[in-house]
């Protein structure tokens, strides 16, 4: 039997106090036979906890380490999480399944944009190829309106031609006269059902000004910004958590732990000020943030199609 493929990833949470609820129930499971697995698994996520709010942790993921300390039992892992204060670094392991599916984008006019920002992956596949990943979708582009594509999908072929790089994908899309058929791989998720949906990511602009990160988002009437405001040790407003699937989380540029400097151009210095200004926001929203760390580039933005 072939070994199960998996990926390891890191999630940063911020616990302002030791009593802050991370909201994970851990459990040990046995392999085939009686020997236990090497790491505890996420057995349950509390909907109001920091883990669920991160939008990155899933039930059945294995917890490999907490703040760099190897976890081989649920008791040890729970104790490390419970006693941690401040930044909590979790390393998790997720088993992968891959589902390939096709999406046809009907483009009658070659000038019509698909609305996909493709990006180069840092690691090649087993065959050495670097098919691009969808980094972002424009809400009014053909790709998003199809209801079948989402950020993270890997574009393996275009109109039957295998894609070897992001530049190759750009050439194939530019040369396509009409309908475009994409062969897409979605790691670690099931193929889409085809039910129409619109992405919540409404990032308009992200730019650096000195140490600050300026982010502009577009909030519709049904959109949720999804930021839980907390306070740093110095009492400044900060992003304490983000709701999975929210506009802030889907933007890909805001991180838990970022200090909130201003909301819509108005400076904020406390948790209460930030929370007050972020209530009932609609339309174009601007946030000025002081990133908690340098953003590791998992993908390199290449081009919009």
Protein backbone atom coordinates (compact mmCIF):
# COMPACT_ATOMS: atom_id res chain seq x y z
CA UNK A 1 0.00 0.00 0.00
CA UNK A 2 1.35 3.48 -0.91
CA UNK A 3 2.21 5.80 1.94
CA UNK A 4 -0.33 8.52 2.67
CA UNK A 5 0.83 11.92 1.41
CA UNK A 6 0.72 14.79 3.87
CA UNK A 7 1.73 18.40 4.29
CA UNK A 8 2.98 20.24 7.36
CA UNK A 9 1.99 23.83 7.97
CA UNK A 10 2.38 26.42 10.70
CA UNK A 11 -0.34 28.52 12.32
CA UNK A 12 0.34 31.51 14.56
CA UNK A 13 -2.24 32.30 17.23
CA UNK A 14 -2.10 35.09 19.77
CA UNK A 15 -3.22 34.46 23.35
CA UNK A 16 -3.45 37.80 25.16
CA UNK A 17 -3.77 35.92 28.47
CA UNK A 18 -3.27 32.34 29.65
CA UNK A 19 -7.03 31.99 30.08
CA UNK A 20 -7.85 32.98 26.46
CA UNK A 21 -9.74 30.14 24.78
CA UNK A 22 -7.88 28.40 21.96
CA UNK A 23 -10.81 26.02 21.62
CA UNK A 24 -9.23 22.75 20.48
CA UNK A 25 -10.04 19.29 21.84
CA UNK A 26 -7.17 16.88 21.21
CA UNK A 27 -7.23 13.08 21.17
CA UNK A 28 -4.88 10.18 20.48
CA UNK A 29 -5.84 7.61 17.86
CA UNK A 30 -4.45 4.18 17.05
CA UNK A 31 -3.03 3.16 13.72
CA UNK A 32 -3.94 -0.14 12.10
CA UNK A 33 -3.40 -2.46 15.02
CA UNK A 34 -2.73 -1.21 18.52
CA UNK A 35 0.19 1.22 18.20
CA UNK A 36 -0.80 4.87 18.69
CA UNK A 37 -0.15 7.57 16.13
CA UNK A 38 2.91 9.75 16.83
CA UNK A 39 0.92 12.95 17.39
CA UNK A 40 -2.50 13.91 18.79
CA UNK A 41 -5.25 14.90 16.37
CA UNK A 42 -7.70 17.79 16.47
CA UNK A 43 -10.88 16.08 17.59
CA UNK A 44 -13.10 19.16 17.97
CA UNK A 45 -12.91 22.91 17.33
CA UNK A 46 -14.94 25.31 19.43
CA UNK A 47 -16.57 27.85 17.10
CA UNK A 48 -15.63 30.77 19.40
CA UNK A 49 -12.02 29.72 19.96
CA UNK A 50 -8.85 31.22 18.51
CA UNK A 51 -8.10 28.03 16.56
CA UNK A 52 -11.38 28.08 14.64
CA UNK A 53 -11.10 31.84 14.09
CA UNK A 54 -7.74 31.37 12.37
CA UNK A 55 -9.53 29.64 9.49
CA UNK A 56 -6.52 27.37 8.96
CA UNK A 57 -6.91 24.51 11.43
CA UNK A 58 -9.19 21.58 10.66
CA UNK A 59 -10.59 18.66 12.58
CA UNK A 60 -8.42 15.53 12.14
CA UNK A 61 -5.19 17.50 11.60
CA UNK A 62 -2.27 16.18 13.66
CA UNK A 63 -0.59 18.57 16.09
CA UNK A 64 3.17 18.04 15.67
CA UNK A 65 4.58 20.75 17.95
CA UNK A 66 3.70 23.78 20.09
CA UNK A 67 6.20 26.65 20.07
CA UNK A 68 8.82 24.29 18.72
CA UNK A 69 8.30 21.58 21.36
CA UNK A 70 7.46 18.16 19.94
CA UNK A 71 4.05 16.84 21.03
CA UNK A 72 3.62 13.09 21.22
CA UNK A 73 0.58 12.98 23.52
CA UNK A 74 -2.64 14.95 23.80
CA UNK A 75 -1.93 15.63 27.48
CA UNK A 76 1.43 17.27 26.74
CA UNK A 77 0.05 19.29 23.81
CA UNK A 78 -2.92 20.53 25.86
CA UNK A 79 -0.63 21.61 28.71
CA UNK A 80 1.69 23.52 26.37
CA UNK A 81 -1.22 25.36 24.76
CA UNK A 82 -2.90 26.08 28.09
CA UNK A 83 0.22 27.60 29.65
CA UNK A 84 1.27 29.65 26.61
CA UNK A 85 0.82 33.43 26.60
CA UNK A 86 1.40 35.70 23.62
CA UNK A 87 2.29 34.20 20.26
CA UNK A 88 1.55 30.48 20.01
CA UNK A 89 3.21 28.70 17.11
CA UNK A 90 1.47 25.47 16.13
CA UNK A 91 2.93 23.03 13.61
CA UNK A 92 0.30 20.71 12.17
CA UNK A 93 0.23 17.85 9.71
CA UNK A 94 -2.61 17.28 7.26
CA UNK A 95 -3.18 14.22 5.12
CA UNK A 96 -3.65 15.10 1.47
CA UNK A 97 -6.07 13.89 -1.09
CA UNK A 98 -6.06 15.41 -4.55
CA UNK A 99 -9.08 15.82 -6.76
CA UNK A 100 -8.75 16.89 -10.40
CA UNK A 101 -11.69 18.54 -12.15
CA UNK A 102 -12.38 20.59 -15.26
CA UNK A 103 -13.85 24.07 -15.48
CA UNK A 104 -15.02 25.64 -18.75
CA UNK A 105 -14.93 29.45 -18.90
CA UNK A 106 -17.00 30.77 -21.80
CA UNK A 107 -15.18 33.81 -23.16
CA UNK A 108 -16.79 35.13 -26.36
CA UNK A 109 -14.46 38.15 -26.47
CA UNK A 110 -10.69 37.61 -25.98
CA UNK A 111 -10.50 40.98 -24.22
CA UNK A 112 -12.73 39.75 -21.36
CA UNK A 113 -10.65 39.16 -18.23
CA UNK A 114 -10.80 35.86 -16.41
CA UNK A 115 -9.95 37.69 -13.17
CA UNK A 116 -7.35 35.19 -11.92
CA UNK A 117 -4.09 36.21 -10.28
CA UNK A 118 -1.76 33.30 -10.92
CA UNK A 119 1.40 32.76 -8.92
CA UNK A 120 4.50 30.62 -9.04
CA UNK A 121 4.83 27.83 -6.51
CA UNK A 122 8.14 27.54 -4.69
CA UNK A 123 8.26 23.74 -4.85
CA UNK A 124 7.95 21.71 -8.05
CA UNK A 125 5.82 18.61 -8.33
CA UNK A 126 7.19 15.09 -8.61
CA UNK A 127 7.65 15.58 -12.37
CA UNK A 128 9.63 18.79 -11.89
CA UNK A 129 6.87 20.98 -13.36
CA UNK A 130 5.68 24.19 -11.74
CA UNK A 131 2.04 24.59 -12.73
CA UNK A 132 0.80 27.87 -11.28
CA UNK A 133 -1.55 28.25 -8.35
CA UNK A 134 -4.54 30.61 -8.25
CA UNK A 135 -3.49 33.28 -5.77
CA UNK A 136 -6.54 35.55 -5.94
CA UNK A 137 -9.86 35.93 -7.79
CA UNK A 138 -11.56 39.16 -8.85
CA UNK A 139 -15.15 39.00 -7.66
CA UNK A 140 -16.55 40.05 -11.06
CA UNK A 141 -14.20 37.99 -13.24
CA UNK A 142 -15.23 34.90 -15.22
CA UNK A 143 -13.21 32.61 -12.96
CA UNK A 144 -14.97 33.73 -9.76
CA UNK A 145 -18.40 33.86 -11.39
CA UNK A 146 -18.04 30.22 -12.44
CA UNK A 147 -18.51 29.30 -8.78
CA UNK A 148 -16.02 26.45 -9.12
CA UNK A 149 -12.57 27.96 -8.62
CA UNK A 150 -10.92 29.27 -5.50
CA UNK A 151 -7.49 30.49 -4.33
CA UNK A 152 -5.10 27.61 -3.84
CA UNK A 153 -6.29 25.61 -6.86
CA UNK A 154 -3.46 24.43 -9.14
CA UNK A 155 -3.95 24.96 -12.90
CA UNK A 156 -2.52 21.78 -14.48
CA UNK A 157 -3.67 22.15 -18.09
CA UNK A 158 -5.34 24.72 -20.36
CA UNK A 159 -7.37 23.53 -23.34
CA UNK A 160 -5.69 20.14 -23.09
CA UNK A 161 -2.10 21.44 -22.95
CA UNK A 162 -0.19 20.69 -19.70
CA UNK A 163 0.97 23.88 -17.98
CA UNK A 164 4.63 23.96 -16.98
CA UNK A 165 4.92 27.45 -15.49
CA UNK A 166 3.01 30.67 -14.87
CA UNK A 167 4.40 32.26 -18.04
CA UNK A 168 3.31 29.21 -20.02
CA UNK A 169 -0.19 29.58 -18.59
CA UNK A 170 -0.26 33.25 -19.60
CA UNK A 171 0.69 32.34 -23.18
CA UNK A 172 -1.96 29.62 -23.43
CA UNK A 173 -4.71 31.88 -22.06
CA UNK A 174 -3.72 34.77 -24.34
CA UNK A 175 -3.76 32.47 -27.39
CA UNK A 176 -7.15 30.90 -26.62
CA UNK A 177 -9.71 32.29 -29.09
CA UNK A 178 -12.88 31.48 -27.16
CA UNK A 179 -13.89 29.05 -24.41
CA UNK A 180 -11.10 28.07 -22.03
CA UNK A 181 -11.07 24.66 -20.37
CA UNK A 182 -8.97 24.46 -17.23
CA UNK A 183 -7.83 21.19 -15.67
CA UNK A 184 -7.51 22.04 -12.00
CA UNK A 185 -6.15 20.15 -9.03
CA UNK A 186 -7.41 20.96 -5.57
CA UNK A 187 -5.13 19.45 -2.93
CA UNK A 188 -6.60 18.29 0.33
CA UNK A 189 -10.22 19.06 -0.65
CA UNK A 190 -13.08 17.62 -2.60
CA UNK A 191 -13.93 18.78 -6.12
CA UNK A 192 -16.53 21.58 -6.25
CA UNK A 193 -20.20 20.80 -6.52
CA UNK A 194 -20.85 23.50 -9.08
CA UNK A 195 -23.15 25.47 -6.78
CA UNK A 196 -22.77 29.18 -7.64
CA UNK A 197 -20.96 31.23 -5.05
CA UNK A 198 -19.03 34.49 -4.97
CA UNK A 199 -15.69 34.74 -3.20
CA UNK A 200 -15.52 36.91 -0.12
CA UNK A 201 -12.03 38.16 -0.88
CA UNK A 202 -12.41 41.84 -1.84
CA UNK A 203 -8.85 43.10 -1.61
CA UNK A 204 -8.57 46.37 -3.54
CA UNK A 205 -5.01 47.35 -2.66
CA UNK A 206 -2.15 46.44 -0.31
CA UNK A 207 0.99 48.56 -0.13
CA UNK A 208 3.79 49.30 2.32
CA UNK A 209 4.55 52.77 3.65
CA UNK A 210 7.61 52.58 5.83
CA UNK A 211 6.90 49.93 8.46
CA UNK A 212 3.13 50.19 7.98
CA UNK A 213 0.96 48.09 5.71
CA UNK A 214 -1.92 49.94 4.04
CA UNK A 215 -4.83 47.66 3.10
CA UNK A 216 -7.98 48.63 1.20
CA UNK A 217 -10.93 46.23 1.21
CA UNK A 218 -14.40 46.31 -0.31
CA UNK A 219 -17.24 45.30 1.99
CA UNK A 220 -20.64 44.44 0.53
CA UNK A 221 -23.89 44.50 2.46
CA UNK A 222 -23.60 40.78 3.26
CA UNK A 223 -19.83 40.69 3.77
CA UNK A 224 -18.17 40.30 7.14
CA UNK A 225 -14.86 41.99 7.89
CA UNK A 226 -14.17 39.21 10.40
CA UNK A 227 -11.54 40.84 12.64
CA UNK A 228 -11.64 40.27 16.39
CA UNK A 229 -9.94 43.25 18.02
CA UNK A 230 -7.69 42.73 21.02
CA UNK A 231 -4.94 44.61 22.81
CA UNK A 232 -1.16 44.25 22.75
CA UNK A 233 0.90 44.22 25.94
CA UNK A 234 1.29 47.98 25.47
CA UNK A 235 -2.47 48.47 25.20
CA UNK A 236 -2.55 49.17 21.47
CA UNK A 237 -5.29 47.75 19.26
CA UNK A 238 -4.37 44.55 17.42
CA UNK A 239 -5.86 41.78 15.27
CA UNK A 240 -6.52 39.07 17.88
CA UNK A 241 -8.29 36.64 15.53
CA UNK A 242 -9.92 36.43 12.10
CA UNK A 243 -13.04 34.53 11.14
CA UNK A 244 -12.55 31.85 8.50
CA UNK A 245 -13.92 32.92 5.11
CA UNK A 246 -14.27 36.56 6.11
CA UNK A 247 -13.06 39.45 3.95
CA UNK A 248 -10.05 40.09 6.19
CA UNK A 249 -8.99 36.44 6.25
CA UNK A 250 -9.54 35.97 2.52
CA UNK A 251 -7.43 39.03 1.68
CA UNK A 252 -4.30 37.03 2.44
CA UNK A 253 -2.38 40.09 3.67
CA UNK A 254 -3.73 40.58 7.21
CA UNK A 255 -2.33 38.41 10.00
CA UNK A 256 -3.22 37.71 13.61
CA UNK A 257 -0.97 39.85 15.81
CA UNK A 258 -0.88 42.86 13.47
CA UNK A 259 -1.19 46.18 15.31
CA UNK A 260 -4.05 48.39 14.07
CA UNK A 261 -2.79 51.94 13.55
CA UNK A 262 -5.72 53.55 11.73
CA UNK A 263 -9.19 52.76 10.38
CA UNK A 264 -10.39 54.69 7.32
CA UNK A 265 -7.60 57.22 7.83
CA UNK A 266 -8.41 57.90 11.49
CA UNK A 267 -5.75 56.90 13.97
CA UNK A 268 -6.60 54.49 16.78
CA UNK A 269 -4.58 53.88 19.91
CA UNK A 270 -6.78 51.55 21.97
CA UNK A 271 -8.83 48.40 21.52
CA UNK A 272 -12.04 50.32 22.22
CA UNK A 273 -11.30 52.97 19.58
CA UNK A 274 -10.57 50.40 16.90
CA UNK A 275 -13.64 48.33 17.75
CA UNK A 276 -15.86 51.43 17.66
CA UNK A 277 -14.57 52.61 14.26
CA UNK A 278 -14.87 49.14 12.73
CA UNK A 279 -18.56 48.75 13.54
CA UNK A 280 -21.10 48.94 10.71
CA UNK A 281 -18.52 49.56 7.99
CA UNK A 282 -19.64 49.27 4.38
CA UNK A 283 -18.10 49.95 1.00
CA UNK A 284 -14.40 50.77 0.69
CA UNK A 285 -12.54 50.25 3.97
CA UNK A 286 -8.92 51.14 4.62
CA UNK A 287 -6.77 49.76 7.43
CA UNK A 288 -3.28 50.85 8.43
CA UNK A 289 -1.45 47.98 10.15
CA UNK A 290 1.94 47.35 11.71
CA UNK A 291 2.71 43.74 10.73
CA UNK A 292 3.71 41.48 13.59
CA UNK A 293 6.32 39.81 11.40
CA UNK A 294 7.67 39.74 7.87
CA UNK A 295 5.22 38.06 5.54
CA UNK A 296 6.69 34.75 4.27
CA UNK A 297 5.87 34.56 0.55
CA UNK A 298 4.43 31.10 -0.04
CA UNK A 299 3.71 32.10 -3.60
CA UNK A 300 5.08 34.77 -5.89
CA UNK A 301 2.33 36.84 -7.61
CA UNK A 302 2.81 36.61 -11.37
CA UNK A 303 0.01 38.18 -13.37
CA UNK A 304 -3.70 38.81 -13.69
CA UNK A 305 -5.51 37.12 -16.57
